[in-house]
């Protein structure tokens, strides 16, 4: 963690679990006795509108918002929404993106989105077919965020321990969704 803190921006659309994912990450940081600040920015999230959350954790965190050019990690649950967060990135920012495009009127075709991603992202980028994997293995695309978090944890792209994230899931998830979320997290360790 540079400067003793870590800055994350999560982007997606309503219904993808962006806010739940932010809560899991914040709780995991809390489990590790770190200071945590979060902020949610969402518009028409119930209608598939843009949703953005910020999570900052570490030592002496004063503001919940990530400044432009200061993100360590951008988690994109959808390609177009990840591209909209480029202004938070710098040359060291890691992009972890669900290889999924949600079509809407006026949006770019998926091929163009991927081309724009290739030419625009300066830092490291990882594109995973998280929705496809979760649909095939767990019968639910909405788990793709937790799967991506697993990728971040097991690839050490986020300075949190797997057991802390697991504990966060146990602390936050209702009993009926607990096991499936644990499977989504651990699935990332098994798939390369």
Protein backbone atom coordinates (compact mmCIF):
# COMPACT_ATOMS: atom_id res chain seq x y z
CA UNK A 1 0.00 0.00 0.00
CA UNK A 2 1.53 3.26 -1.09
CA UNK A 3 1.37 6.00 1.54
CA UNK A 4 -0.17 3.42 3.88
CA UNK A 5 -3.48 3.41 2.02
CA UNK A 6 -5.18 1.66 -0.87
CA UNK A 7 -7.75 3.26 -3.17
CA UNK A 8 -10.40 1.31 -5.09
CA UNK A 9 -13.11 2.43 -7.50
CA UNK A 10 -15.81 -0.10 -8.38
CA UNK A 11 -18.02 0.59 -11.37
CA UNK A 12 -20.99 -1.21 -12.85
CA UNK A 13 -24.70 -0.88 -13.38
CA UNK A 14 -27.64 -1.37 -11.07
CA UNK A 15 -28.33 -5.01 -10.28
CA UNK A 16 -24.71 -6.19 -10.57
CA UNK A 17 -23.99 -6.05 -6.83
CA UNK A 18 -21.60 -3.07 -6.88
CA UNK A 19 -22.65 -1.82 -3.45
CA UNK A 20 -22.58 -5.30 -1.91
CA UNK A 21 -19.07 -5.82 -3.30
CA UNK A 22 -17.92 -2.53 -1.76
CA UNK A 23 -19.39 -3.59 1.59
CA UNK A 24 -17.49 -6.89 1.48
CA UNK A 25 -14.18 -5.15 0.71
CA UNK A 26 -14.74 -2.54 3.43
CA UNK A 27 -15.64 -5.23 5.97
CA UNK A 28 -12.53 -7.27 5.03
CA UNK A 29 -10.33 -4.22 5.60
CA UNK A 30 -12.10 -3.64 8.92
CA UNK A 31 -11.43 -7.30 9.86
CA UNK A 32 -7.73 -6.53 9.30
CA UNK A 33 -8.00 -3.53 11.70
CA UNK A 34 -7.52 -0.96 8.95
CA UNK A 35 -9.25 2.40 8.76
CA UNK A 36 -11.92 2.30 6.08
CA UNK A 37 -13.93 4.97 4.26
CA UNK A 38 -16.48 4.32 1.53
CA UNK A 39 -18.73 6.35 -0.70
CA UNK A 40 -21.51 5.38 -3.08
CA UNK A 41 -22.41 7.37 -6.17
CA UNK A 42 -25.39 5.97 -7.99
CA UNK A 43 -28.08 7.30 -10.22
CA UNK A 44 -30.79 5.15 -11.67
CA UNK A 45 -29.29 1.99 -10.23
CA UNK A 46 -32.63 0.19 -10.09
CA UNK A 47 -33.01 0.68 -13.84
CA UNK A 48 -29.56 -0.47 -14.88
CA UNK A 49 -28.03 2.98 -14.41
CA UNK A 50 -24.42 3.67 -13.57
CA UNK A 51 -23.22 2.78 -10.06
CA UNK A 52 -19.83 3.79 -8.66
CA UNK A 53 -18.38 3.14 -5.23
CA UNK A 54 -15.12 4.24 -3.67
CA UNK A 55 -13.28 2.35 -0.95
CA UNK A 56 -10.20 3.65 0.76
CA UNK A 57 -8.45 1.70 3.48
CA UNK A 58 -5.18 1.81 5.36
CA UNK A 59 -3.88 4.17 8.02
CA UNK A 60 -5.23 7.67 8.59
CA UNK A 61 -7.91 7.74 5.91
CA UNK A 62 -9.74 11.06 6.04
CA UNK A 63 -11.84 11.22 2.87
CA UNK A 64 -14.00 8.46 1.37
CA UNK A 65 -13.47 9.69 -2.19
CA UNK A 66 -10.64 8.60 -4.47
CA UNK A 67 -9.04 11.60 -6.16
CA UNK A 68 -8.58 11.70 -9.93
CA UNK A 69 -5.46 9.79 -10.94
CA UNK A 70 -5.12 8.12 -7.51
CA UNK A 71 -6.85 4.73 -7.85
CA UNK A 72 -4.74 1.69 -7.11
CA UNK A 73 -7.42 -0.67 -8.40
CA UNK A 74 -10.43 -0.16 -10.64
CA UNK A 75 -12.89 -3.04 -10.50
CA UNK A 76 -15.21 -2.91 -13.50
CA UNK A 77 -18.24 -5.16 -13.44
CA UNK A 78 -18.96 -4.13 -17.02
CA UNK A 79 -16.55 -2.92 -19.74
CA UNK A 80 -18.18 0.43 -20.64
CA UNK A 81 -18.50 1.42 -16.97
CA UNK A 82 -14.84 0.56 -16.36
CA UNK A 83 -13.85 2.80 -19.28
CA UNK A 84 -15.84 5.65 -17.78
CA UNK A 85 -13.53 5.56 -14.75
CA UNK A 86 -10.26 6.16 -16.65
CA UNK A 87 -9.81 9.56 -15.02
CA UNK A 88 -9.22 7.83 -11.66
CA UNK A 89 -6.29 5.88 -13.14
CA UNK A 90 -2.59 6.52 -13.38
CA UNK A 91 0.19 4.46 -14.99
CA UNK A 92 0.29 2.07 -11.99
CA UNK A 93 -3.45 1.54 -11.62
CA UNK A 94 -4.60 -2.05 -12.07
CA UNK A 95 -7.85 -2.63 -13.96
CA UNK A 96 -9.75 -5.83 -13.13
CA UNK A 97 -12.71 -6.04 -15.48
CA UNK A 98 -15.57 -8.41 -16.09
CA UNK A 99 -15.48 -9.24 -19.81
CA UNK A 100 -19.13 -8.36 -20.11
CA UNK A 101 -20.91 -5.63 -21.98
CA UNK A 102 -24.44 -4.61 -21.10
CA UNK A 103 -26.03 -3.23 -24.24
CA UNK A 104 -28.09 -0.10 -24.06
CA UNK A 105 -29.29 2.40 -26.61
CA UNK A 106 -26.45 4.56 -27.89
CA UNK A 107 -23.74 2.33 -26.45
CA UNK A 108 -20.68 1.17 -28.37
CA UNK A 109 -20.55 -2.41 -29.67
CA UNK A 110 -18.51 -4.79 -27.51
CA UNK A 111 -15.69 -5.05 -30.08
CA UNK A 112 -15.24 -1.25 -30.05
CA UNK A 113 -15.33 -1.18 -26.25
CA UNK A 114 -12.50 -3.73 -26.09
CA UNK A 115 -10.46 -1.79 -28.65
CA UNK A 116 -10.94 1.40 -26.64
CA UNK A 117 -9.91 -0.48 -23.49
CA UNK A 118 -6.71 -1.69 -25.17
CA UNK A 119 -5.72 1.79 -26.34
CA UNK A 120 -6.83 3.71 -23.23
CA UNK A 121 -5.65 1.75 -20.19
CA UNK A 122 -2.08 2.66 -19.26
CA UNK A 123 -1.71 0.40 -16.24
CA UNK A 124 -2.09 -3.36 -15.95
CA UNK A 125 -5.40 -4.78 -17.03
CA UNK A 126 -7.01 -8.13 -16.44
CA UNK A 127 -10.14 -9.04 -18.36
CA UNK A 128 -12.02 -12.08 -17.02
CA UNK A 129 -15.19 -13.70 -18.34
CA UNK A 130 -16.56 -13.52 -14.79
CA UNK A 131 -20.25 -13.41 -15.78
CA UNK A 132 -19.83 -16.42 -18.06
CA UNK A 133 -17.86 -18.39 -15.45
CA UNK A 134 -20.38 -17.64 -12.69
CA UNK A 135 -23.33 -18.49 -14.90
CA UNK A 136 -21.76 -21.82 -15.94
CA UNK A 137 -20.36 -22.86 -12.55
CA UNK A 138 -22.80 -21.24 -10.11
CA UNK A 139 -25.91 -20.55 -12.24
CA UNK A 140 -25.82 -16.83 -11.38
CA UNK A 141 -24.10 -13.94 -13.18
CA UNK A 142 -24.66 -11.61 -10.21
CA UNK A 143 -21.86 -13.42 -8.37
CA UNK A 144 -19.31 -12.12 -10.90
CA UNK A 145 -18.30 -9.26 -8.57
CA UNK A 146 -17.39 -11.66 -5.76
CA UNK A 147 -15.57 -13.83 -8.30
CA UNK A 148 -13.56 -10.78 -9.47
CA UNK A 149 -12.76 -9.97 -5.84
CA UNK A 150 -11.43 -13.51 -5.54
CA UNK A 151 -9.20 -12.89 -8.55
CA UNK A 152 -7.93 -9.68 -6.92
CA UNK A 153 -7.22 -11.44 -3.63
CA UNK A 154 -5.58 -14.59 -5.01
CA UNK A 155 -3.49 -12.64 -7.55
CA UNK A 156 -2.47 -10.22 -4.77
CA UNK A 157 -3.88 -7.23 -6.65
CA UNK A 158 -5.50 -6.03 -3.42
CA UNK A 159 -3.69 -6.05 -0.06
CA UNK A 160 -6.28 -8.12 1.79
CA UNK A 161 -5.98 -11.70 2.98
CA UNK A 162 -8.34 -14.35 1.56
CA UNK A 163 -9.42 -15.31 5.08
CA UNK A 164 -10.36 -11.69 5.83
CA UNK A 165 -12.54 -11.52 2.72
CA UNK A 166 -14.12 -14.84 3.64
CA UNK A 167 -14.82 -13.55 7.16
CA UNK A 168 -16.37 -10.41 5.64
CA UNK A 169 -18.68 -12.54 3.50
CA UNK A 170 -19.67 -14.55 6.58
CA UNK A 171 -20.36 -11.32 8.50
CA UNK A 172 -22.47 -9.69 5.77
CA UNK A 173 -24.29 -12.31 3.72
CA UNK A 174 -27.69 -13.63 4.71
CA UNK A 175 -27.50 -17.35 5.49
CA UNK A 176 -29.29 -18.38 2.28
CA UNK A 177 -26.61 -16.66 0.11
CA UNK A 178 -23.57 -17.46 2.23
CA UNK A 179 -22.35 -20.69 0.65
CA UNK A 180 -22.81 -19.55 -2.96
CA UNK A 181 -20.79 -16.37 -2.27
CA UNK A 182 -18.01 -18.40 -0.63
CA UNK A 183 -17.95 -20.63 -3.72
CA UNK A 184 -17.75 -17.58 -6.01
CA UNK A 185 -14.78 -16.22 -4.07
CA UNK A 186 -12.93 -19.54 -3.99
CA UNK A 187 -13.72 -20.31 -7.64
CA UNK A 188 -11.15 -17.66 -8.64
CA UNK A 189 -8.40 -19.64 -6.90
CA UNK A 190 -9.25 -22.74 -8.95
CA UNK A 191 -9.59 -21.15 -12.41
CA UNK A 192 -6.63 -19.74 -14.33
